[in-house]
Protein backbone atom coordinates (compact mmCIF):
# COMPACT_ATOMS: atom_id res chain seq x y z
CA MET A 1 3.97 -22.61 2.31
CA LEU A 2 1.47 -23.92 5.02
CA ALA A 3 4.05 -23.20 7.73
CA VAL A 4 4.51 -19.55 6.49
CA ILE A 5 0.88 -18.86 6.18
CA VAL A 6 0.21 -20.18 9.73
CA MET A 7 2.97 -18.12 11.36
CA MET A 8 2.21 -14.70 9.52
CA VAL A 9 -1.50 -15.07 9.99
CA PHE A 10 -1.89 -16.34 13.33
CA GLY A 11 1.28 -15.15 14.84
CA GLY A 12 0.77 -11.29 14.85
CA PRO A 13 -0.14 -10.95 18.70
CA ILE A 14 1.12 -12.71 21.77
CA PRO A 15 0.93 -16.45 20.79
CA SER A 16 -2.23 -17.88 22.29
CA ILE A 17 -2.61 -21.67 22.83
CA VAL A 18 -4.36 -22.32 19.95
CA ALA A 19 -1.74 -20.35 17.62
CA THR A 20 1.00 -22.21 19.27
CA ILE A 21 -0.71 -25.65 18.68
CA LEU A 22 -1.12 -24.50 14.87
CA ILE A 23 2.48 -23.49 14.62
CA GLY A 24 3.59 -26.76 16.53
CA ILE A 25 1.48 -28.97 13.93
CA ALA A 26 3.27 -26.87 11.06
CA GLY A 27 6.52 -27.59 12.74
CA LEU A 28 5.93 -31.33 12.64
CA LEU A 29 4.96 -31.01 8.83
CA LEU A 30 8.31 -29.34 8.11
CA LEU A 31 10.19 -31.96 10.34
CA GLY A 32 8.34 -34.58 8.31
CA ALA A 33 9.54 -33.05 5.05
CA LEU A 34 13.18 -32.78 6.30
CA THR A 35 13.21 -36.48 6.70
CA VAL A 36 12.91 -37.09 3.22
CA SER A 37 15.30 -34.36 2.03
CA ASP A 38 18.98 -34.07 1.77
CA GLU A 39 19.28 -31.46 4.71
CA ARG A 40 22.45 -33.01 6.15
CA THR A 41 24.56 -32.01 3.21
CA ALA A 42 23.20 -28.43 2.81
CA LEU A 43 23.81 -28.03 6.66
CA GLN A 44 27.39 -29.35 6.44
CA ASN A 45 28.23 -26.65 3.94
CA GLN A 46 27.57 -24.00 6.52
CA PRO A 47 29.94 -22.84 9.14
CA LEU A 48 30.08 -24.68 12.25
CA ALA A 49 29.10 -21.60 14.50
CA PHE A 50 25.96 -21.23 12.24
CA ARG A 51 25.09 -24.84 12.80
CA ILE A 52 25.64 -24.64 16.52
CA GLY A 53 23.76 -21.44 16.79
CA LEU A 54 20.72 -22.79 14.83
CA ALA A 55 20.51 -25.80 16.87
CA GLY A 56 20.97 -23.81 20.19
CA VAL A 57 17.82 -21.84 19.23
CA ALA A 58 15.41 -24.96 19.76
CA LEU A 59 17.69 -26.53 22.41
CA LEU A 60 18.32 -23.72 24.83
CA PRO A 61 14.35 -23.34 25.76
CA LEU A 62 14.06 -27.05 25.82
CA LEU A 63 16.78 -27.38 28.37
CA GLN A 64 15.25 -24.51 30.56
CA ILE A 65 12.01 -26.54 31.17
CA VAL A 66 13.85 -29.77 31.99
CA PRO A 67 13.14 -30.43 35.82
CA LEU A 68 16.27 -30.32 37.94
CA PRO A 69 16.90 -31.86 41.30
CA PRO A 70 16.40 -29.24 44.41
CA SER A 71 20.25 -29.45 45.25
CA ILE A 72 20.93 -27.93 41.92
CA TRP A 73 18.21 -25.35 41.04
CA HIS A 74 18.40 -24.23 44.85
CA MET A 75 22.02 -23.04 43.85
CA LEU A 76 21.18 -21.24 40.85
CA PRO A 77 21.36 -17.51 40.82
CA GLY A 78 18.17 -15.56 41.32
CA GLN A 79 16.03 -18.55 42.92
CA GLU A 80 15.81 -17.20 46.33
CA LEU A 81 12.53 -15.73 46.29
CA ARG A 82 11.17 -18.97 44.40
CA VAL A 83 12.70 -21.17 47.01
CA ARG A 84 10.90 -19.03 49.95
CA MET A 85 7.52 -19.10 47.93
CA LEU A 86 7.74 -22.85 47.20
CA THR A 87 8.84 -23.53 50.91
CA LEU A 88 5.56 -21.93 52.07
CA ALA A 89 3.63 -24.24 49.84
CA GLY A 90 5.73 -27.31 50.92
CA LEU A 91 7.31 -27.75 47.43
CA ALA A 92 10.75 -26.55 47.89
CA ASP A 93 12.19 -29.96 47.72
CA SER A 94 10.69 -30.85 44.58
CA TRP A 95 12.31 -31.01 41.20
CA GLN A 96 11.83 -27.51 39.17
CA PRO A 97 13.01 -26.39 35.84
CA LEU A 98 15.47 -23.39 35.46
CA SER A 99 12.62 -21.40 33.72
CA VAL A 100 10.64 -19.58 36.49
CA THR A 101 7.63 -19.50 33.77
CA PRO A 102 7.91 -22.98 32.36
CA LEU A 103 4.52 -22.80 30.47
CA PHE A 104 5.54 -19.74 28.64
CA THR A 105 8.94 -21.27 27.89
CA ALA A 106 7.43 -24.55 26.74
CA GLY A 107 5.54 -22.59 24.24
CA THR A 108 8.67 -20.97 22.95
CA VAL A 109 10.00 -24.48 22.46
CA VAL A 110 7.33 -25.29 19.98
CA ILE A 111 7.65 -22.13 18.09
CA ALA A 112 11.49 -22.22 18.12
CA ILE A 113 11.54 -25.92 16.64
CA ALA A 114 9.08 -24.72 13.72
CA PHE A 115 11.40 -21.94 13.11
CA VAL A 116 14.67 -24.08 13.02
CA ALA A 117 13.03 -26.51 10.73
CA LEU A 118 11.68 -23.89 8.35
CA VAL A 119 15.21 -22.59 8.16
CA THR A 120 16.55 -25.80 7.28
CA LEU A 121 14.02 -26.58 4.71
CA LEU A 122 14.41 -23.41 2.91
CA LEU A 123 18.13 -24.27 2.91
CA VAL A 124 17.68 -27.33 0.91
CA LEU A 125 14.76 -26.15 -1.40
CA PRO A 126 15.47 -25.67 -5.12
CA ALA A 127 16.05 -22.10 -5.93
CA LYS A 128 12.90 -22.01 -8.14
CA ASP A 129 10.72 -23.55 -5.17
CA PHE A 130 12.45 -21.19 -2.77
CA ARG A 131 11.51 -18.25 -4.78
CA ARG A 132 7.76 -19.32 -4.74
CA VAL A 133 7.85 -19.29 -0.91
CA VAL A 134 9.29 -15.80 -1.13
CA TRP A 135 6.33 -14.76 -3.24
CA LEU A 136 4.06 -16.09 -0.93
CA ILE A 137 5.63 -14.05 1.90
CA PHE A 138 5.56 -10.93 -0.37
CA GLY A 139 1.84 -11.53 -1.33
CA LEU A 140 0.96 -12.08 2.37
CA ILE A 141 2.55 -8.62 3.11
CA GLY A 142 0.58 -6.92 0.18
CA LEU A 143 -2.51 -8.63 1.65
CA ASN A 144 -1.64 -7.20 5.00
CA ILE A 145 -1.31 -3.82 3.46
CA LEU A 146 -4.71 -3.97 1.89
CA ILE A 147 -6.28 -5.17 5.22
CA GLY A 148 -4.39 -2.16 6.95
CA LEU A 149 -5.76 0.49 4.58
CA VAL A 150 -9.32 -0.70 5.20
CA GLN A 151 -8.47 -0.52 9.09
CA VAL A 152 -7.31 3.08 8.59
CA ALA A 153 -10.08 4.37 6.57
CA SER A 154 -12.59 2.98 9.03
CA GLY A 155 -10.89 4.15 12.04
CA GLY A 156 -10.20 0.76 13.30
CA GLN A 157 -13.79 -0.29 13.19
CA VAL A 158 -13.48 -2.81 10.41
CA LEU A 159 -11.40 -5.91 10.39
CA ARG A 160 -10.35 -6.01 14.12
CA PHE A 161 -8.52 -9.08 14.67
CA HIS A 162 -7.18 -8.37 17.99
CA THR A 163 -8.73 -6.78 21.12
CA ALA A 164 -5.75 -5.47 22.63
CA ALA A 165 -4.15 -3.66 19.60
CA ASP A 166 -3.35 -0.24 18.24
CA HIS A 167 -6.75 0.48 16.57
CA GLY A 168 -6.95 3.21 13.89
CA ALA A 169 -3.30 2.45 12.69
CA LEU A 170 -2.47 0.22 9.79
CA LEU A 171 -2.24 -3.12 11.42
CA GLY A 172 -3.20 -6.12 9.20
CA PHE A 173 -2.88 -9.37 10.88
CA TYR A 174 -0.36 -7.74 13.63
CA ALA A 175 -1.32 -6.61 17.07
CA ASN A 176 1.46 -4.16 17.23
CA LYS A 177 2.06 -1.22 15.04
CA ASN A 178 5.75 -1.35 15.16
CA HIS A 179 5.90 -5.06 14.03
CA ALA A 180 3.52 -4.26 11.00
CA ALA A 181 5.74 -1.39 10.20
CA LEU A 182 8.94 -3.56 10.49
CA VAL A 183 7.39 -6.10 8.06
CA LEU A 184 6.47 -3.16 5.64
CA ALA A 185 10.13 -1.93 5.68
CA ALA A 186 11.40 -5.48 5.29
CA SER A 187 9.29 -5.92 2.18
CA LEU A 188 11.29 -3.52 0.31
CA PRO A 189 14.47 -5.59 -0.10
CA ILE A 190 12.19 -8.75 -0.57
CA ALA A 191 10.68 -6.91 -3.42
CA ALA A 192 14.22 -5.90 -4.85
CA TYR A 193 15.06 -9.68 -4.76
CA LEU A 194 11.89 -10.60 -6.50
CA PHE A 195 11.59 -7.80 -9.09
CA GLY A 196 15.45 -8.34 -9.75
CA SER A 197 14.85 -11.95 -10.70
CA ARG A 198 12.75 -11.03 -13.93
CA VAL A 199 13.83 -10.85 -17.39
CA GLN A 200 13.52 -7.17 -17.80
CA PRO A 201 15.49 -5.36 -14.99
CA GLN A 202 14.90 -1.96 -16.14
CA GLY A 203 11.09 -2.19 -15.84
CA ALA A 204 11.71 -4.13 -12.55
CA ARG A 205 13.44 -1.14 -11.01
CA THR A 206 10.47 1.08 -12.07
CA TRP A 207 8.02 -1.26 -10.17
CA LEU A 208 10.31 -1.32 -7.33
CA GLY A 209 10.28 2.61 -7.21
CA PHE A 210 6.51 2.77 -7.09
CA TYR A 211 6.24 -0.10 -4.49
CA ALA A 212 8.74 1.97 -2.33
CA GLY A 213 6.39 4.93 -2.58
CA ILE A 214 3.34 2.79 -1.49
CA VAL A 215 5.29 1.34 1.46
CA LEU A 216 6.55 4.92 2.49
CA VAL A 217 2.90 6.04 2.48
CA ALA A 218 1.65 2.95 4.33
CA LEU A 219 4.36 3.51 7.11
CA VAL A 220 3.10 6.90 7.99
CA THR A 221 -0.35 5.36 8.64
CA THR A 222 1.16 2.81 11.08
CA ASN A 223 2.01 5.57 13.41
CA SER A 224 5.34 4.02 14.36
CA ARG A 225 8.18 6.16 14.60
CA ALA A 226 10.54 3.28 14.18
CA GLY A 227 8.95 1.99 11.27
CA ILE A 228 9.29 5.14 9.33
CA GLY A 229 13.01 5.28 10.15
CA LEU A 230 13.49 1.98 9.18
CA GLY A 231 11.47 2.41 5.76
CA VAL A 232 13.65 5.49 5.02
CA MET A 233 16.83 3.51 5.64
CA ALA A 234 15.82 0.57 3.45
CA VAL A 235 14.71 2.99 0.66
CA LEU A 236 17.92 4.98 0.75
CA LEU A 237 20.32 1.85 0.83
CA LEU A 238 18.26 0.06 -1.93
CA GLY A 239 18.32 3.50 -3.95
CA SER A 240 21.98 3.57 -3.83
CA LEU A 241 22.05 0.25 -5.73
CA TYR A 242 19.69 1.29 -8.45
CA VAL A 243 19.56 5.09 -8.86
CA ARG A 244 22.41 5.27 -11.39
CA ALA A 245 20.89 2.79 -13.72
CA ILE A 246 17.34 4.29 -14.06
CA LYS A 247 16.47 6.98 -16.50
CA PRO A 248 15.81 10.43 -15.25
CA ILE A 249 12.28 10.36 -16.48
CA TYR A 250 11.48 7.28 -14.34
CA ILE A 251 13.16 8.82 -11.34
CA ALA A 252 10.94 12.07 -11.79
CA GLY A 253 7.81 9.86 -12.06
CA ILE A 254 8.69 7.94 -8.87
CA VAL A 255 9.39 11.20 -6.88
CA ALA A 256 6.41 12.72 -8.12
CA VAL A 257 4.30 9.68 -6.99
CA VAL A 258 6.04 9.65 -3.57
CA VAL A 259 5.55 13.33 -3.07
CA GLY A 260 1.88 13.20 -4.08
CA GLY A 261 1.37 10.35 -1.57
CA ILE A 262 3.11 12.34 1.35
CA ILE A 263 1.00 15.39 0.56
CA LEU A 264 -2.19 13.35 0.73
CA VAL A 265 -1.22 11.55 4.02
CA SER A 266 0.09 14.82 5.37
CA THR A 267 -3.36 16.41 5.45
CA SER A 268 -4.65 13.50 7.64
CA SER A 269 -4.60 13.10 11.38
CA ALA A 270 -2.38 10.26 11.17
CA PHE A 271 0.36 12.30 9.89
CA GLU A 272 0.17 14.68 12.75
CA GLN A 273 -0.18 12.11 15.38
CA VAL A 274 2.77 10.32 14.32
CA PHE A 275 5.27 12.99 13.69
CA SER A 276 4.15 14.90 17.12
CA ARG A 277 5.35 11.57 18.74
CA PHE A 278 9.08 12.14 17.29
CA ASN A 279 9.25 15.21 19.88
CA ALA A 280 8.72 12.90 22.89
CA VAL A 281 11.39 10.47 22.34
CA ASP A 282 13.06 11.24 25.46
CA GLU A 283 9.94 10.68 27.54
CA ASP A 284 9.38 7.19 26.05
CA LEU A 285 8.54 4.62 28.68
CA ARG A 286 11.07 2.20 27.21
CA TRP A 287 13.90 3.88 29.04
CA GLN A 288 11.95 3.38 32.31
CA PHE A 289 11.72 -0.22 31.47
CA LEU A 290 15.26 -0.79 31.01
CA ARG A 291 16.16 1.25 34.16
CA THR A 292 13.82 -0.99 36.31
CA SER A 293 14.91 -4.07 34.71
CA ARG A 294 18.64 -3.64 35.47
CA PRO A 295 18.46 -5.55 39.05
CA LEU A 296 16.70 -8.35 37.25
CA ILE A 297 19.44 -8.65 34.94
CA GLU A 298 22.14 -8.51 37.47
CA ARG A 299 20.31 -11.28 39.17
CA TYR A 300 19.84 -13.61 36.17
CA TRP A 301 22.54 -12.83 33.97
CA LEU A 302 24.56 -16.02 34.42
CA PHE A 303 21.91 -18.78 33.43
CA GLY A 304 18.90 -16.66 32.62
CA SER A 305 15.32 -16.91 34.02
CA GLY A 306 13.72 -18.63 31.27
CA ILE A 307 12.45 -17.34 27.97
CA GLY A 308 9.07 -15.55 28.33
CA SER A 309 9.73 -14.82 31.92
CA PHE A 310 10.19 -11.13 31.81
CA SER A 311 6.64 -9.90 32.33
CA THR A 312 6.20 -11.97 35.33
CA LEU A 313 9.54 -10.87 36.83
CA TYR A 314 8.97 -7.24 35.91
CA ALA A 315 5.64 -7.20 37.75
CA VAL A 316 7.38 -8.38 40.94
CA GLY A 317 9.96 -5.55 40.89
CA GLU A 318 7.88 -2.83 39.40
CA ASN A 319 7.39 0.46 41.37
CA LEU A 320 4.15 0.62 42.81
CA ALA A 321 4.07 4.25 41.84
CA TRP A 322 4.38 3.22 38.19
CA VAL A 323 1.61 0.46 38.25
CA LYS A 324 -1.15 1.34 35.76
CA PRO A 325 -4.12 -0.93 34.35
CA THR A 326 -1.79 -2.16 31.69
CA PHE A 327 1.11 -4.38 32.08
CA VAL A 328 4.59 -4.36 30.65
CA ASN A 329 4.76 -7.40 28.38
CA GLN A 330 8.31 -7.08 27.12
CA LEU A 331 11.53 -4.86 27.80
CA HIS A 332 11.31 -3.31 24.23
CA ASN A 333 14.97 -4.11 23.91
CA GLU A 334 15.81 -7.63 22.71
CA TYR A 335 19.53 -7.34 23.72
CA PRO A 336 19.27 -6.96 27.52
CA GLN A 337 16.13 -9.14 27.67
CA LEU A 338 18.24 -11.94 26.00
CA LEU A 339 20.74 -11.58 28.76
CA LEU A 340 18.11 -11.73 31.29
CA GLU A 341 16.07 -14.76 30.09
CA THR A 342 18.86 -16.85 28.54
CA GLY A 343 21.89 -15.83 30.30
CA LEU A 344 25.29 -16.16 28.91
CA PRO A 345 24.30 -19.40 27.16
CA GLY A 346 21.92 -17.37 25.08
CA VAL A 347 24.24 -14.67 24.31
CA GLY A 348 26.74 -17.37 23.20
CA ILE A 349 24.25 -18.75 20.96
CA PHE A 350 23.37 -15.42 19.40
CA LEU A 351 27.04 -14.49 18.92
CA MET A 352 27.59 -17.84 17.14
CA MET A 353 24.64 -17.45 14.98
CA ILE A 354 25.71 -13.92 13.91
CA GLY A 355 29.38 -14.95 13.48
CA GLY A 356 28.33 -17.83 11.13
CA LEU A 357 25.94 -15.68 8.97
CA ILE A 358 28.91 -13.15 8.69
CA TRP A 359 31.85 -15.82 7.77
CA ARG A 360 29.31 -17.45 5.31
CA GLY A 361 28.06 -14.12 3.80
CA VAL A 362 31.68 -13.15 3.20
CA GLY A 363 32.35 -16.32 1.59
CA VAL A 364 29.46 -15.91 -0.75
CA TRP A 365 30.30 -12.66 -1.74
CA ARG A 366 33.76 -13.55 -2.69
CA GLN A 367 32.90 -16.65 -4.50
CA ALA A 368 29.52 -15.49 -6.37
CA GLU A 369 29.35 -13.76 -9.69
CA TYR A 370 28.34 -10.22 -9.70
CA ASP A 371 24.73 -11.00 -10.44
CA ASN A 372 24.65 -13.31 -7.67
CA ARG A 373 25.26 -10.75 -4.96
CA LEU A 374 21.97 -8.94 -4.92
CA PRO A 375 20.14 -11.71 -3.05
CA LEU A 376 23.00 -11.54 -0.45
CA LEU A 377 22.62 -7.73 -0.01
CA CYS A 378 18.77 -8.04 0.17
CA GLY A 379 19.16 -10.73 3.16
CA ALA A 380 21.68 -8.54 4.85
CA LEU A 381 19.57 -5.45 4.76
CA ILE A 382 16.64 -7.28 6.21
CA LEU A 383 18.61 -8.57 9.02
CA VAL A 384 19.94 -5.18 9.59
CA LEU A 385 16.50 -3.67 9.85
CA ILE A 386 15.54 -6.50 12.13
CA ALA A 387 18.68 -5.92 14.24
CA VAL A 388 17.98 -2.08 14.67
CA HIS A 389 14.35 -2.47 15.37
CA SER A 390 15.23 -5.06 18.17
CA GLY A 391 17.02 -2.34 19.99
CA VAL A 392 13.71 -0.48 20.75
CA ASP A 393 11.38 -3.26 20.34
CA TYR A 394 10.75 -7.01 20.40
CA PRO A 395 9.91 -8.20 16.78
CA LEU A 396 11.35 -11.48 17.09
CA ARG A 397 8.96 -12.33 20.02
CA ARG A 398 6.05 -12.64 17.57
CA PRO A 399 5.90 -15.73 15.12
CA ALA A 400 4.70 -13.51 12.31
CA VAL A 401 8.24 -12.02 11.73
CA LEU A 402 9.91 -15.43 11.98
CA PRO A 403 9.48 -16.44 8.41
CA ILE A 404 11.01 -13.10 7.34
CA LEU A 405 13.83 -13.70 9.50
CA ALA A 406 14.50 -17.16 8.09
CA LEU A 407 14.08 -15.80 4.65
CA ALA A 408 16.80 -13.23 5.40
CA MET A 409 19.17 -15.84 6.69
CA ILE A 410 18.66 -17.96 3.59
CA LEU A 411 19.33 -15.26 1.23
CA VAL A 412 22.78 -14.57 2.92
CA ILE A 413 23.90 -18.20 3.40
CA ARG A 414 22.87 -19.61 0.08
CA GLY A 415 25.06 -18.87 -2.90
CA ASP A 416 22.89 -20.30 -5.73
CA LEU A 417 20.33 -17.49 -5.66
CA THR A 418 20.60 -15.26 -8.92
CA ALA A 419 19.04 -12.03 -9.68
CA SER A 420 19.53 -9.82 -12.99
CA THR A 421 19.57 -6.30 -11.89
CA GLY A 422 20.79 -2.80 -12.60
CA LEU A 423 24.01 -3.89 -10.70
CA VAL A 424 24.93 -5.91 -13.67
CA ARG A 425 24.21 -3.30 -16.20
CA ARG A 426 26.21 -0.72 -14.07
CA ARG A 427 29.28 -2.91 -14.34
CA GLN A 428 28.95 -3.70 -18.02
CA ARG A 429 28.81 0.17 -18.76
CA THR A 430 31.90 0.63 -16.84
């Protein structure tokens, strides 16, 4: 729980040195807890591809900062400019790591180890304790909504935690409105898992409907196009599981609340601002970033340039006509940036992780009882939301999103998590 709080509260912006140190301390505590747990048995029950992928998340950035002899790193693709620069400084014959920005990559190592330890520990926790951690995550998201509403009401003048942020939008602990919106959308399947674990599933579905209305209204105030799309996707997919088991009067009440909230928000300037941005999708700078980064990807695709090196490399190759007072911090598309910074090894680790999750998820679906499938569906939906958002942004570059990713992975690969929901009632009626 301490690790989750540290990541979600201090990991919203670009990880500073202080935040990285705090996350590193939390990671050490997690590793200490793993030494007295039975994590080996829990991991052995998972597919080999998943275990290799999980280990690679921490090992790959660690290998990228290991110093290499000049006879090796001189021969690596994309090192020509680096060799010329270090030659001018008289350091061309020194040992250098693969990463062109070893300091940034070292920070990634600390965060990656903490993430892997968190996933492993959540895997071995008893189901009751695991649900407590999920409630903590859900509570932090609720607190984030309350803080964000105060920020919106004050025009971004109150509770400003970050200087470089989208002030005036619903942010909470986050510095980026898109990341705050993704967390809001991901909280819907989290709520479905928690509310579905209650004794009275019918009332839980009603509360889930009201919470969905609150989230949809809050998403508009984030001024995030992607967040609104993800929220609508989550509501529609979750609604397909519940709508047949809810009485019409409750559906009417939920619809009335949602419509009332939309009417209230639609009269605000935030509504006009966010929906006017949908008409300018083709003018978004994301496509320009991708075109400009293509030569970098072609140069470093084999072994990568080091995690965290994108902003430095992009600044070197950026067209001077496009230079502005602000700098491009990420590619805003995780998939080509993954190839750029980690090369084929990183892509292989990613594919093994995804393959292991799918293999295990299919096995859990086949073996689990009908009322055990809702956690799997909720976890899969969170992963889909993160995967879709990663195509237009960089959510996993912020530690605050990592506990939600870890939660989603555990919901998919564990088969002992139960939930009493409308799915069971529907099957009994059939």
